[in-house]
Protein backbone atom coordinates (compact mmCIF):
# COMPACT_ATOMS: atom_id res chain seq x y z
CA MET A 1 -23.94 -23.53 -0.82
CA THR A 2 -23.34 -19.78 -0.21
CA TYR A 3 -21.80 -16.82 -1.89
CA ASP A 4 -18.40 -17.48 0.07
CA PHE A 5 -18.08 -20.89 -1.00
CA PHE A 6 -18.34 -19.72 -5.30
CA LYS A 7 -16.25 -16.63 -4.26
CA LYS A 8 -14.08 -18.95 -2.98
CA SER A 9 -13.96 -21.40 -5.69
CA ILE A 10 -13.29 -18.77 -8.26
CA ILE A 11 -10.45 -17.40 -6.73
CA ARG A 12 -8.85 -21.18 -6.51
CA LEU A 13 -9.13 -21.80 -10.17
CA TYR A 14 -7.56 -18.60 -10.77
CA ILE A 15 -4.92 -19.16 -8.32
CA SER A 16 -4.67 -22.66 -10.41
CA THR A 17 -4.11 -21.01 -13.43
CA LYS A 18 -1.39 -18.84 -11.83
CA LYS A 19 0.48 -21.64 -10.77
CA MET A 20 0.89 -23.58 -13.99
CA LYS A 21 2.64 -20.14 -15.45
CA LEU A 22 4.92 -19.72 -12.21
CA SER A 23 7.73 -22.43 -12.82
CA ILE A 24 10.77 -21.64 -10.13
CA ASN A 25 14.27 -22.95 -11.19
CA GLY A 26 17.87 -21.79 -10.83
CA VAL A 27 19.73 -20.14 -8.29
CA PHE A 28 18.47 -17.61 -6.02
CA PRO A 29 20.40 -15.43 -3.07
CA PRO A 30 18.42 -14.98 0.02
CA MET A 31 19.89 -11.35 -0.26
CA LEU A 32 22.14 -9.93 2.85
CA THR A 33 20.98 -6.58 3.70
CA PRO A 34 23.33 -4.29 4.47
CA PHE A 35 23.71 -2.05 7.46
CA LYS A 36 25.63 0.92 8.17
CA GLU A 37 28.44 0.97 11.54
CA ASP A 38 25.63 2.90 13.30
CA GLY A 39 22.60 -0.39 12.56
CA THR A 40 20.55 2.04 10.21
CA LEU A 41 19.84 -0.04 7.23
CA ASP A 42 21.82 0.81 4.01
CA ILE A 43 19.87 1.14 1.10
CA GLU A 44 22.47 2.11 -0.99
CA SER A 45 24.67 -0.61 -0.53
CA HIS A 46 21.85 -2.80 -1.13
CA LEU A 47 21.19 -1.52 -4.71
CA PHE A 48 25.11 -1.63 -5.47
CA ASN A 49 24.72 -5.59 -4.34
CA LEU A 50 21.52 -5.81 -6.64
CA GLU A 51 23.15 -4.03 -9.85
CA LYS A 52 26.23 -6.66 -9.54
CA TRP A 53 23.53 -9.33 -8.92
CA ASN A 54 22.07 -8.72 -12.10
CA GLN A 55 25.28 -8.66 -14.56
CA THR A 56 25.09 -12.67 -13.45
CA PRO A 57 23.01 -15.34 -14.58
CA LEU A 58 20.42 -15.69 -11.41
CA SER A 59 16.73 -16.63 -11.67
CA GLY A 60 15.76 -14.21 -9.02
CA TYR A 61 16.18 -13.04 -5.80
CA LEU A 62 15.10 -13.94 -2.34
CA VAL A 63 14.55 -10.92 -0.20
CA LEU A 64 13.84 -11.20 3.58
CA GLY A 65 15.35 -14.61 3.78
CA SER A 66 17.01 -16.12 6.85
CA ASN A 67 20.69 -14.33 5.89
CA SER A 68 18.71 -11.36 5.27
CA GLU A 69 18.77 -10.78 9.41
CA THR A 70 15.11 -10.47 8.26
CA VAL A 71 14.23 -10.88 12.12
CA TYR A 72 15.96 -7.74 13.41
CA LEU A 73 14.15 -5.94 10.46
CA THR A 74 10.90 -3.33 11.23
CA GLU A 75 7.89 -3.70 8.49
CA ASN A 76 8.78 -0.66 7.02
CA GLU A 77 12.14 -1.70 6.26
CA LYS A 78 11.16 -4.88 4.98
CA LEU A 79 8.61 -3.23 2.81
CA LEU A 80 11.39 -0.52 1.42
CA LEU A 81 13.67 -3.68 1.02
CA VAL A 82 10.97 -5.27 -1.40
CA GLU A 83 9.66 -2.19 -3.30
CA LYS A 84 13.45 -0.94 -4.01
CA THR A 85 14.42 -4.59 -5.27
CA ALA A 86 11.51 -5.16 -7.31
CA GLU A 87 11.98 -1.58 -8.99
CA SER A 88 15.62 -2.39 -9.43
CA MET A 89 15.86 -5.73 -11.23
CA PRO A 90 15.41 -7.10 -14.54
CA LYS A 91 11.97 -7.62 -15.66
CA ASP A 92 12.37 -11.58 -16.45
CA ARG A 93 13.79 -12.74 -12.94
CA LEU A 94 11.62 -13.59 -10.03
CA LEU A 95 10.92 -12.00 -6.89
CA MET A 96 10.30 -13.75 -3.97
CA ALA A 97 9.81 -12.56 0.10
CA GLY A 98 10.13 -13.99 3.12
CA THR A 99 6.93 -12.74 4.77
CA GLY A 100 6.25 -15.57 7.64
CA MET A 101 5.43 -14.32 10.89
CA GLU A 102 4.56 -15.68 14.27
CA SER A 103 0.63 -15.31 13.61
CA THR A 104 -1.15 -16.43 10.75
CA GLN A 105 -2.88 -12.84 10.31
CA GLU A 106 0.28 -10.89 10.39
CA THR A 107 1.51 -13.08 7.87
CA ILE A 108 -0.77 -12.48 5.39
CA SER A 109 -0.76 -8.98 6.12
CA LEU A 110 2.72 -8.60 5.01
CA THR A 111 2.18 -10.99 2.52
CA GLN A 112 -0.30 -8.58 1.36
CA LYS A 113 1.80 -5.65 1.61
CA ALA A 114 5.10 -7.10 -0.13
CA ALA A 115 2.66 -8.22 -3.00
CA GLU A 116 1.78 -4.42 -3.62
CA ARG A 117 5.00 -3.55 -3.82
CA GLY A 118 6.35 -5.75 -5.88
CA ALA A 119 6.92 -9.44 -4.76
CA GLN A 120 5.87 -12.01 -6.68
CA ALA A 121 6.16 -15.19 -4.17
CA ALA A 122 6.23 -14.96 -0.53
CA LEU A 123 8.26 -17.72 1.26
CA ILE A 124 6.78 -18.59 4.62
CA LEU A 125 8.36 -19.85 7.60
CA THR A 126 6.86 -22.39 9.88
CA PRO A 127 5.65 -20.10 13.11
CA PHE A 128 8.18 -22.04 16.25
CA TYR A 129 7.74 -19.57 19.47
CA TYR A 130 5.23 -22.03 21.16
CA LEU A 131 6.80 -25.05 19.72
CA GLY A 132 4.93 -27.61 21.68
CA ASN A 133 1.94 -26.47 20.10
CA MET A 134 2.93 -26.56 16.53
CA SER A 135 1.74 -29.62 15.33
CA ASP A 136 0.90 -30.99 11.85
CA ALA A 137 -2.75 -29.77 12.38
CA ALA A 138 -2.20 -26.60 13.62
CA LEU A 139 0.35 -25.88 10.59
CA THR A 140 -1.69 -26.80 8.28
CA LYS A 141 -4.48 -24.46 9.28
CA HIS A 142 -1.62 -21.79 9.10
CA PHE A 143 -0.49 -22.30 5.92
CA LEU A 144 -4.05 -23.29 4.12
CA LYS A 145 -5.57 -20.13 5.48
CA ILE A 146 -2.76 -17.77 4.01
CA ALA A 147 -2.88 -19.70 0.92
CA ASP A 148 -6.88 -18.89 0.89
CA GLU A 149 -6.20 -15.15 1.61
CA VAL A 150 -2.98 -14.16 -0.23
CA ASP A 151 -2.83 -12.71 -3.72
CA ILE A 152 0.67 -14.50 -4.91
CA PRO A 153 1.61 -18.03 -4.53
CA ILE A 154 3.61 -18.85 -1.61
CA LEU A 155 5.96 -21.17 -0.85
CA ILE A 156 6.63 -23.40 2.56
CA TYR A 157 10.16 -22.43 4.11
CA ASN A 158 11.52 -25.21 5.92
CA VAL A 159 14.44 -24.35 8.19
CA PRO A 160 14.57 -26.63 11.54
CA LYS A 161 18.41 -24.90 12.39
CA PHE A 162 16.50 -21.73 13.36
CA ALA A 163 12.62 -22.30 13.83
CA HIS A 164 13.29 -26.20 15.44
CA VAL A 165 10.48 -27.40 13.73
CA ASN A 166 10.52 -29.37 10.64
CA VAL A 167 8.18 -30.06 8.07
CA SER A 168 6.97 -33.64 7.89
CA SER A 169 5.91 -35.56 4.72
CA SER A 170 2.90 -36.08 6.47
CA LEU A 171 2.43 -31.81 6.43
CA LEU A 172 3.42 -31.55 3.03
CA ALA A 173 1.15 -33.75 2.03
CA SER A 174 -1.32 -32.18 3.51
CA LEU A 175 -0.45 -29.09 1.71
CA LYS A 176 0.94 -29.70 -1.85
CA ASP A 177 -2.36 -29.92 -3.70
CA HIS A 178 -3.39 -26.19 -2.66
CA PRO A 179 -3.28 -24.41 -5.60
CA ASN A 180 -1.69 -20.95 -3.90
CA ILE A 181 1.12 -23.72 -2.99
CA ILE A 182 3.86 -23.68 -5.15
CA GLY A 183 6.86 -25.11 -3.79
CA MET A 184 9.10 -25.77 -0.06
CA LYS A 185 12.58 -24.31 0.26
CA ASP A 186 13.94 -27.01 2.31
CA SER A 187 17.16 -26.03 4.29
CA ALA A 188 17.09 -29.12 6.41
CA GLY A 189 19.64 -30.66 4.87
CA ASN A 190 18.58 -34.31 4.90
CA ILE A 191 18.77 -36.24 1.61
CA SER A 192 16.64 -39.03 2.60
CA GLN A 193 13.89 -36.38 3.82
CA LEU A 194 14.55 -34.62 0.45
CA ILE A 195 14.06 -38.01 -1.54
CA GLN A 196 10.71 -38.14 0.76
CA TYR A 197 9.23 -35.17 0.12
CA GLN A 198 9.96 -36.19 -4.33
CA SER A 199 7.70 -39.10 -3.71
CA ILE A 200 4.60 -37.40 -3.00
CA ILE A 201 4.97 -34.25 -4.77
CA SER A 202 3.98 -33.66 -8.33
CA SER A 203 5.91 -32.52 -11.14
CA ASP A 204 4.74 -28.59 -10.63
CA PHE A 205 5.89 -28.30 -7.43
CA SER A 206 8.82 -26.69 -7.27
CA LEU A 207 10.84 -28.38 -4.32
CA LEU A 208 14.34 -26.11 -3.95
CA VAL A 209 17.12 -26.66 -1.55
CA GLY A 210 18.29 -24.11 0.51
CA THR A 211 21.96 -24.63 1.22
CA ALA A 212 24.55 -24.93 -1.31
CA ALA A 213 26.48 -27.47 0.66
CA LEU A 214 23.39 -30.07 -1.05
CA TRP A 215 23.41 -28.39 -4.55
CA TYR A 216 25.23 -30.62 -6.30
CA PRO A 217 23.41 -33.93 -4.68
CA ALA A 218 20.59 -32.30 -5.25
CA LEU A 219 20.58 -31.49 -8.53
CA THR A 220 21.67 -35.20 -9.58
CA LEU A 221 18.44 -36.06 -7.98
CA GLY A 222 16.56 -33.89 -10.22
CA ILE A 223 15.98 -30.72 -8.24
CA ASN A 224 15.61 -27.68 -10.28
CA GLY A 225 16.05 -24.86 -7.76
CA GLY A 226 18.08 -23.36 -5.48
CA VAL A 227 17.85 -20.46 -2.66
CA MET A 228 21.75 -20.18 -0.92
CA ALA A 229 23.36 -18.12 0.82
CA LEU A 230 26.26 -18.46 -0.91
CA ALA A 231 24.80 -17.23 -4.07
CA ASN A 232 25.46 -13.68 -2.51
CA ILE A 233 28.79 -14.01 -3.36
CA LEU A 234 29.69 -16.38 -6.02
CA PRO A 235 26.38 -16.39 -8.14
CA ALA A 236 28.11 -17.19 -11.61
CA GLU A 237 29.73 -20.39 -9.83
CA CYS A 238 26.63 -22.06 -8.76
CA VAL A 239 24.35 -21.48 -11.83
CA GLU A 240 27.66 -22.95 -13.38
CA ILE A 241 27.16 -26.32 -11.26
CA GLN A 242 23.78 -26.55 -12.21
CA SER A 243 24.71 -26.02 -16.25
CA LEU A 244 27.05 -28.35 -16.59
CA VAL A 245 24.67 -30.93 -14.89
CA ASN A 246 22.33 -30.28 -17.52
CA GLU A 247 25.07 -30.60 -19.78
CA GLY A 248 25.89 -34.12 -18.50
CA LYS A 249 29.35 -32.75 -17.27
CA TRP A 250 29.21 -34.43 -14.18
CA ASN A 251 32.72 -34.67 -13.16
CA GLU A 252 33.10 -30.79 -14.10
CA ALA A 253 29.71 -30.22 -11.94
CA GLU A 254 31.21 -32.00 -9.18
CA ASN A 255 34.70 -30.25 -8.93
CA LEU A 256 33.15 -27.20 -8.74
CA TYR A 257 30.83 -28.31 -5.91
CA ARG A 258 33.62 -29.34 -4.29
CA ALA A 259 35.67 -26.19 -4.48
CA ILE A 260 33.02 -23.92 -3.36
CA PHE A 261 31.97 -26.43 -0.54
CA PRO A 262 34.46 -24.86 1.98
CA ILE A 263 33.63 -21.48 1.44
CA ASN A 264 29.96 -22.50 1.96
CA HIS A 265 30.51 -24.39 5.09
CA ALA A 266 32.59 -21.40 6.38
CA ILE A 267 29.92 -18.77 5.95
CA THR A 268 26.83 -20.90 7.15
CA VAL A 269 28.58 -22.60 9.55
CA THR A 270 31.54 -21.77 10.94
CA PHE A 271 31.24 -17.85 10.87
CA GLY A 272 27.27 -17.18 9.90
CA VAL A 273 26.10 -13.79 8.40
CA ALA A 274 29.20 -11.80 9.64
CA GLY A 275 31.44 -14.47 7.52
CA LEU A 276 29.39 -14.30 4.71
CA LYS A 277 28.93 -10.53 4.92
CA TYR A 278 32.81 -10.30 5.61
CA ALA A 279 33.21 -12.59 2.16
CA ALA A 280 30.82 -10.53 0.23
CA ASP A 281 32.93 -7.47 1.05
CA LEU A 282 36.10 -9.00 -0.37
CA LEU A 283 34.88 -10.30 -3.46
CA GLY A 284 33.32 -6.79 -4.33
CA TYR A 285 30.22 -6.37 -2.64
CA LYS A 286 29.06 -4.02 0.15
CA GLY A 287 28.29 -6.36 2.77
CA GLY A 288 27.85 -3.85 5.52
CA PHE A 289 27.70 -4.54 9.32
CA VAL A 290 25.52 -7.04 10.97
CA ARG A 291 22.86 -5.48 13.17
CA SER A 292 23.13 -6.06 17.12
CA PRO A 293 23.29 -8.48 18.86
CA LEU A 294 25.01 -9.95 15.64
CA LEU A 295 28.81 -9.61 16.27
CA PRO A 296 30.91 -8.57 13.99
CA LEU A 297 33.87 -10.74 13.27
CA ALA A 298 37.19 -10.99 15.16
CA ASP A 299 40.60 -10.17 13.19
CA ALA A 300 41.60 -13.90 13.66
CA GLN A 301 37.97 -14.81 11.90
CA LYS A 302 38.23 -12.20 9.02
CA GLN A 303 41.63 -13.62 8.23
CA ALA A 304 40.54 -17.38 8.24
CA ILE A 305 38.01 -16.16 5.51
CA LYS A 306 40.26 -14.32 3.39
CA ASP A 307 43.13 -17.45 3.57
CA LEU A 308 39.91 -19.61 2.87
CA LEU A 309 38.86 -17.55 -0.53
CA ILE A 310 42.58 -17.24 -1.64
CA LYS A 311 43.05 -20.81 -0.90
CA SER A 312 39.95 -21.90 -3.26
CA ASN A 313 41.58 -19.14 -5.87
CA PHE A 314 38.24 -16.85 -5.89
CA LEU A 315 40.09 -13.97 -4.39
């Protein structure tokens, strides 16, 4: 047995200890990223939003998620957002960072840099550019290499809507026992698959839903955490649904879930990030502008969102 073998065994033992201490529960917003009209990063508005979120019962934050327009950010911008968020959030909350890149080595590099700036866990997107070659074998090697090399725990990010790659149950089975892979954010929106995932994971593996569209159904199935775009603008309501379920107030939880469902559909399906940002502006946050090539909303689309928020009694 080589020195490297013993070194890696010690690292895995250390990581395993950390894993038992990190439980990911509750509601996390994939933080929107405000931009100025000229397309530059608006860090002041980001910190304004963070201060408002700090006053809500959120469990933590995901910086650099899909709704953060992460694919349009430079590395320096990404790291600045991680650093400023870590500096300005309560110490009892968890900071996750979306650090998945197309190559394994670049993912490791960005994850390490994010960890140095305060990220406590990393959400790793499935690579997708060479789609036909992203077999379970390739993805297994990718995630295991990252998990071996980085200094913070990682979660798998399954979002077929954007990546066009779906994490199969067999892929999850090959990854779930690594001591530094502590969970998965599943944004597939497939209840059947979610139940399949539950059947193969252990109780200390954090399976998170990635959309408020499944929040109440997932809670009834025993899911304890969610990373949801809607939590950017209705954080207290997202948390309240979970609290009501935990208290056994099923009807009240379902009624609130039904009330927020149309808003979630509007900002995640119909209008996208631009809709989320405009809704944020209406509700007292600073959504800011989207970054090109995304387009701002037309006036009729803005009115539709405003009417929906009024009809739902959130505005």
